Amino acid sequence: MALQRQQYVKARLRQLQERIAALSTINLNAIPKDKAAYGSRLKLLDLDKDEEIEIRLVTHEEADISKGLYSVQSPIGKAMLGRREGDEVAVQTPGGKRTFEVISLKTIHEQ
């Protein structure tokens, strides 16, 4: 049991080291300054529920929907990539279709 746990921890550590290496190669100059991308904070109006939500686009390791941290690989995260203030976005989520309007946008460069 202890050997299996040790092997699991070593494998997970190796995965994390690889991920850190990949993240360290992110070129911030390549991230757009005028549209949503990794690190952006967006205030959205859920047009179906007439509710405002605030989200931040993050990696899947950082994602925590309860804290408003949406992975850029999630349905909502993918749909927001490249969007600007005023855009209306329809998203097919596991819970059904949702429509949002981007009310405000702050890119990683503005934070």
C-alpha atoms as a PDB file:
ATOM      1  CA  MET A   1       0.000   0.000   0.000  1.00  0.00           C
ATOM      2  CA  ALA A   2       2.781   2.431   0.935  1.00  0.00           C
ATOM      3  CA  LEU A   3       4.717   1.576  -2.231  1.00  0.00           C
ATOM      4  CA  GLN A   4       1.666   2.258  -4.395  1.00  0.00           C
ATOM      5  CA  ARG A   5       1.136   5.594  -2.672  1.00  0.00           C
ATOM      6  CA  GLN A   6       4.792   6.516  -3.168  1.00  0.00           C
ATOM      7  CA  GLN A   7       4.595   5.639  -6.876  1.00  0.00           C
ATOM      8  CA  TYR A   8       1.437   7.723  -7.224  1.00  0.00           C
ATOM      9  CA  VAL A   9       3.054  10.717  -5.505  1.00  0.00           C
ATOM     10  CA  LYS A  10       6.154  10.455  -7.713  1.00  0.00           C
ATOM     11  CA  ALA A  11       4.028  10.281 -10.875  1.00  0.00           C
ATOM     12  CA  ARG A  12       1.925  13.251  -9.782  1.00  0.00           C
ATOM     13  CA  LEU A  13       5.044  15.243  -8.913  1.00  0.00           C
ATOM     14  CA  ARG A  14       6.445  14.522 -12.378  1.00  0.00           C
ATOM     15  CA  GLN A  15       3.155  15.706 -13.957  1.00  0.00           C
ATOM     16  CA  LEU A  16       3.243  18.929 -11.954  1.00  0.00           C
ATOM     17  CA  GLN A  17       6.874  19.590 -12.839  1.00  0.00           C
ATOM     18  CA  GLU A  18       6.040  19.149 -16.536  1.00  0.00           C
ATOM     19  CA  ARG A  19       3.057  21.488 -16.201  1.00  0.00           C
ATOM     20  CA  ILE A  20       5.142  24.144 -14.424  1.00  0.00           C
ATOM     21  CA  ALA A  21       7.728  23.919 -17.188  1.00  0.00           C
ATOM     22  CA  ALA A  22       5.002  24.377 -19.821  1.00  0.00           C
ATOM     23  CA  LEU A  23       3.459  27.327 -17.976  1.00  0.00           C
ATOM     24  CA  SER A  24       6.818  29.030 -17.609  1.00  0.00           C
ATOM     25  CA  THR A  25       7.026  29.248 -21.385  1.00  0.00           C
ATOM     26  CA  ILE A  26       3.876  31.399 -21.668  1.00  0.00           C
ATOM     27  CA  ASN A  27       4.737  34.589 -23.496  1.00  0.00           C
ATOM     28  CA  LEU A  28       2.675  37.382 -21.926  1.00  0.00           C
ATOM     29  CA  ASN A  29       3.310  39.547 -24.979  1.00  0.00           C
ATOM     30  CA  ALA A  30       1.375  37.001 -27.054  1.00  0.00           C
ATOM     31  CA  ILE A  31      -1.740  37.375 -24.885  1.00  0.00           C
ATOM     32  CA  PRO A  32      -4.126  39.923 -26.441  1.00  0.00           C
ATOM     33  CA  LYS A  33      -4.549  43.273 -24.701  1.00  0.00           C
ATOM     34  CA  ASP A  34      -8.007  44.044 -26.074  1.00  0.00           C
ATOM     35  CA  LYS A  35      -9.927  40.765 -25.867  1.00  0.00           C
ATOM     36  CA  ALA A  36     -10.514  37.932 -23.411  1.00  0.00           C
ATOM     37  CA  ALA A  37      -7.710  35.412 -22.955  1.00  0.00           C
ATOM     38  CA  TYR A  38      -5.947  33.565 -20.145  1.00  0.00           C
ATOM     39  CA  GLY A  39      -5.941  35.680 -16.980  1.00  0.00           C
ATOM     40  CA  SER A  40      -8.797  37.958 -18.069  1.00  0.00           C
ATOM     41  CA  ARG A  41     -11.507  39.005 -15.649  1.00  0.00           C
ATOM     42  CA  LEU A  42     -14.951  39.347 -17.174  1.00  0.00           C
ATOM     43  CA  LYS A  43     -18.200  40.651 -15.796  1.00  0.00           C
ATOM     44  CA  LEU A  44     -21.014  38.864 -17.595  1.00  0.00           C
ATOM     45  CA  LEU A  45     -24.754  39.336 -17.693  1.00  0.00           C
ATOM     46  CA  ASP A  46     -26.552  35.995 -17.882  1.00  0.00           C
ATOM     47  CA  LEU A  47     -29.334  37.028 -20.247  1.00  0.00           C
ATOM     48  CA  ASP A  48     -31.431  33.967 -19.401  1.00  0.00           C
ATOM     49  CA  LYS A  49     -31.416  34.577 -15.640  1.00  0.00           C
ATOM     50  CA  ASP A  50     -30.867  38.363 -15.667  1.00  0.00           C
ATOM     51  CA  GLU A  51     -27.935  37.896 -13.256  1.00  0.00           C
ATOM     52  CA  GLU A  52     -24.429  39.303 -13.299  1.00  0.00           C
ATOM     53  CA  ILE A  53     -21.483  37.013 -12.675  1.00  0.00           C
ATOM     54  CA  GLU A  54     -17.762  37.693 -12.552  1.00  0.00           C
ATOM     55  CA  ILE A  55     -15.323  35.159 -13.874  1.00  0.00           C
ATOM     56  CA  ARG A  56     -11.588  34.852 -14.394  1.00  0.00           C
ATOM     57  CA  LEU A  57     -10.142  32.674 -17.152  1.00  0.00           C
ATOM     58  CA  VAL A  58      -7.541  30.282 -15.750  1.00  0.00           C
ATOM     59  CA  THR A  59      -5.835  26.943 -16.452  1.00  0.00           C
ATOM     60  CA  HIS A  60      -7.695  23.753 -15.617  1.00  0.00           C
ATOM     61  CA  GLU A  61      -5.471  23.263 -12.549  1.00  0.00           C
ATOM     62  CA  GLU A  62      -6.590  26.613 -11.120  1.00  0.00           C
ATOM     63  CA  ALA A  63     -10.275  26.213 -11.971  1.00  0.00           C
ATOM     64  CA  ASP A  64     -12.833  26.529  -9.173  1.00  0.00           C
ATOM     65  CA  ILE A  65     -16.262  27.557 -10.417  1.00  0.00           C
ATOM     66  CA  SER A  66     -17.455  28.349  -6.877  1.00  0.00           C
ATOM     67  CA  LYS A  67     -14.787  31.096  -6.806  1.00  0.00           C
ATOM     68  CA  GLY A  68     -15.488  32.284 -10.356  1.00  0.00           C
ATOM     69  CA  LEU A  69     -12.332  30.669 -11.745  1.00  0.00           C
ATOM     70  CA  TYR A  70     -13.250  29.131 -15.111  1.00  0.00           C
ATOM     71  CA  SER A  71     -10.844  27.004 -17.105  1.00  0.00           C
ATOM     72  CA  VAL A  72     -10.111  28.220 -20.625  1.00  0.00           C
ATOM     73  CA  GLN A  73     -10.937  24.620 -21.587  1.00  0.00           C
ATOM     74  CA  SER A  74     -14.440  24.652 -20.056  1.00  0.00           C
ATOM     75  CA  PRO A  75     -17.447  25.388 -22.280  1.00  0.00           C
ATOM     76  CA  ILE A  76     -17.899  28.906 -20.845  1.00  0.00           C
ATOM     77  CA  GLY A  77     -14.144  29.572 -20.812  1.00  0.00           C
ATOM     78  CA  LYS A  78     -13.733  28.507 -24.441  1.00  0.00           C
ATOM     79  CA  ALA A  79     -16.718  30.610 -25.490  1.00  0.00           C
ATOM     80  CA  MET A  80     -15.270  33.729 -23.829  1.00  0.00           C
ATOM     81  CA  LEU A  81     -11.847  33.503 -25.489  1.00  0.00           C
ATOM     82  CA  GLY A  82     -11.418  36.347 -27.963  1.00  0.00           C
ATOM     83  CA  ARG A  83     -14.536  38.210 -26.799  1.00  0.00           C
ATOM     84  CA  ARG A  84     -14.774  41.937 -26.156  1.00  0.00           C
ATOM     85  CA  GLU A  85     -17.028  44.190 -24.100  1.00  0.00           C
ATOM     86  CA  GLY A  86     -20.516  44.281 -25.581  1.00  0.00           C
ATOM     87  CA  ASP A  87     -20.278  40.859 -27.219  1.00  0.00           C
ATOM     88  CA  GLU A  88     -23.202  38.487 -26.808  1.00  0.00           C
ATOM     89  CA  VAL A  89     -22.146  34.870 -26.412  1.00  0.00           C
ATOM     90  CA  ALA A  90     -24.269  31.706 -26.605  1.00  0.00           C
ATOM     91  CA  VAL A  91     -22.738  28.733 -24.797  1.00  0.00           C
ATOM     92  CA  GLN A  92     -23.785  25.100 -24.770  1.00  0.00           C
ATOM     93  CA  THR A  93     -23.023  23.826 -21.267  1.00  0.00           C
ATOM     94  CA  PRO A  94     -23.734  20.420 -19.724  1.00  0.00           C
ATOM     95  CA  GLY A  95     -26.698  22.114 -17.996  1.00  0.00           C
ATOM     96  CA  GLY A  96     -28.104  23.501 -21.259  1.00  0.00           C
ATOM     97  CA  LYS A  97     -27.710  26.529 -23.482  1.00  0.00           C
ATOM     98  CA  ARG A  98     -26.833  29.834 -21.792  1.00  0.00           C
ATOM     99  CA  THR A  99     -26.473  33.299 -23.267  1.00  0.00           C
ATOM    100  CA  PHE A 100     -24.207  35.981 -21.831  1.00  0.00           C
ATOM    101  CA  GLU A 101     -23.328  39.573 -22.595  1.00  0.00           C
ATOM    102  CA  VAL A 102     -19.799  40.724 -21.772  1.00  0.00           C
ATOM    103  CA  ILE A 103     -20.324  43.821 -19.611  1.00  0.00           C
ATOM    104  CA  SER A 104     -16.691  44.499 -18.747  1.00  0.00           C
ATOM    105  CA  LEU A 105     -13.297  43.026 -19.482  1.00  0.00           C
ATOM    106  CA  LYS A 106      -9.921  43.399 -17.799  1.00  0.00           C
ATOM    107  CA  THR A 107      -7.083  41.516 -19.412  1.00  0.00           C
ATOM    108  CA  ILE A 108      -4.080  40.105 -17.582  1.00  0.00           C
ATOM    109  CA  HIS A 109      -2.184  43.229 -18.696  1.00  0.00           C
ATOM    110  CA  GLU A 110      -4.528  45.538 -16.734  1.00  0.00           C
ATOM    111  CA  GLN A 111      -4.344  43.717 -13.419  1.00  0.00           C
END
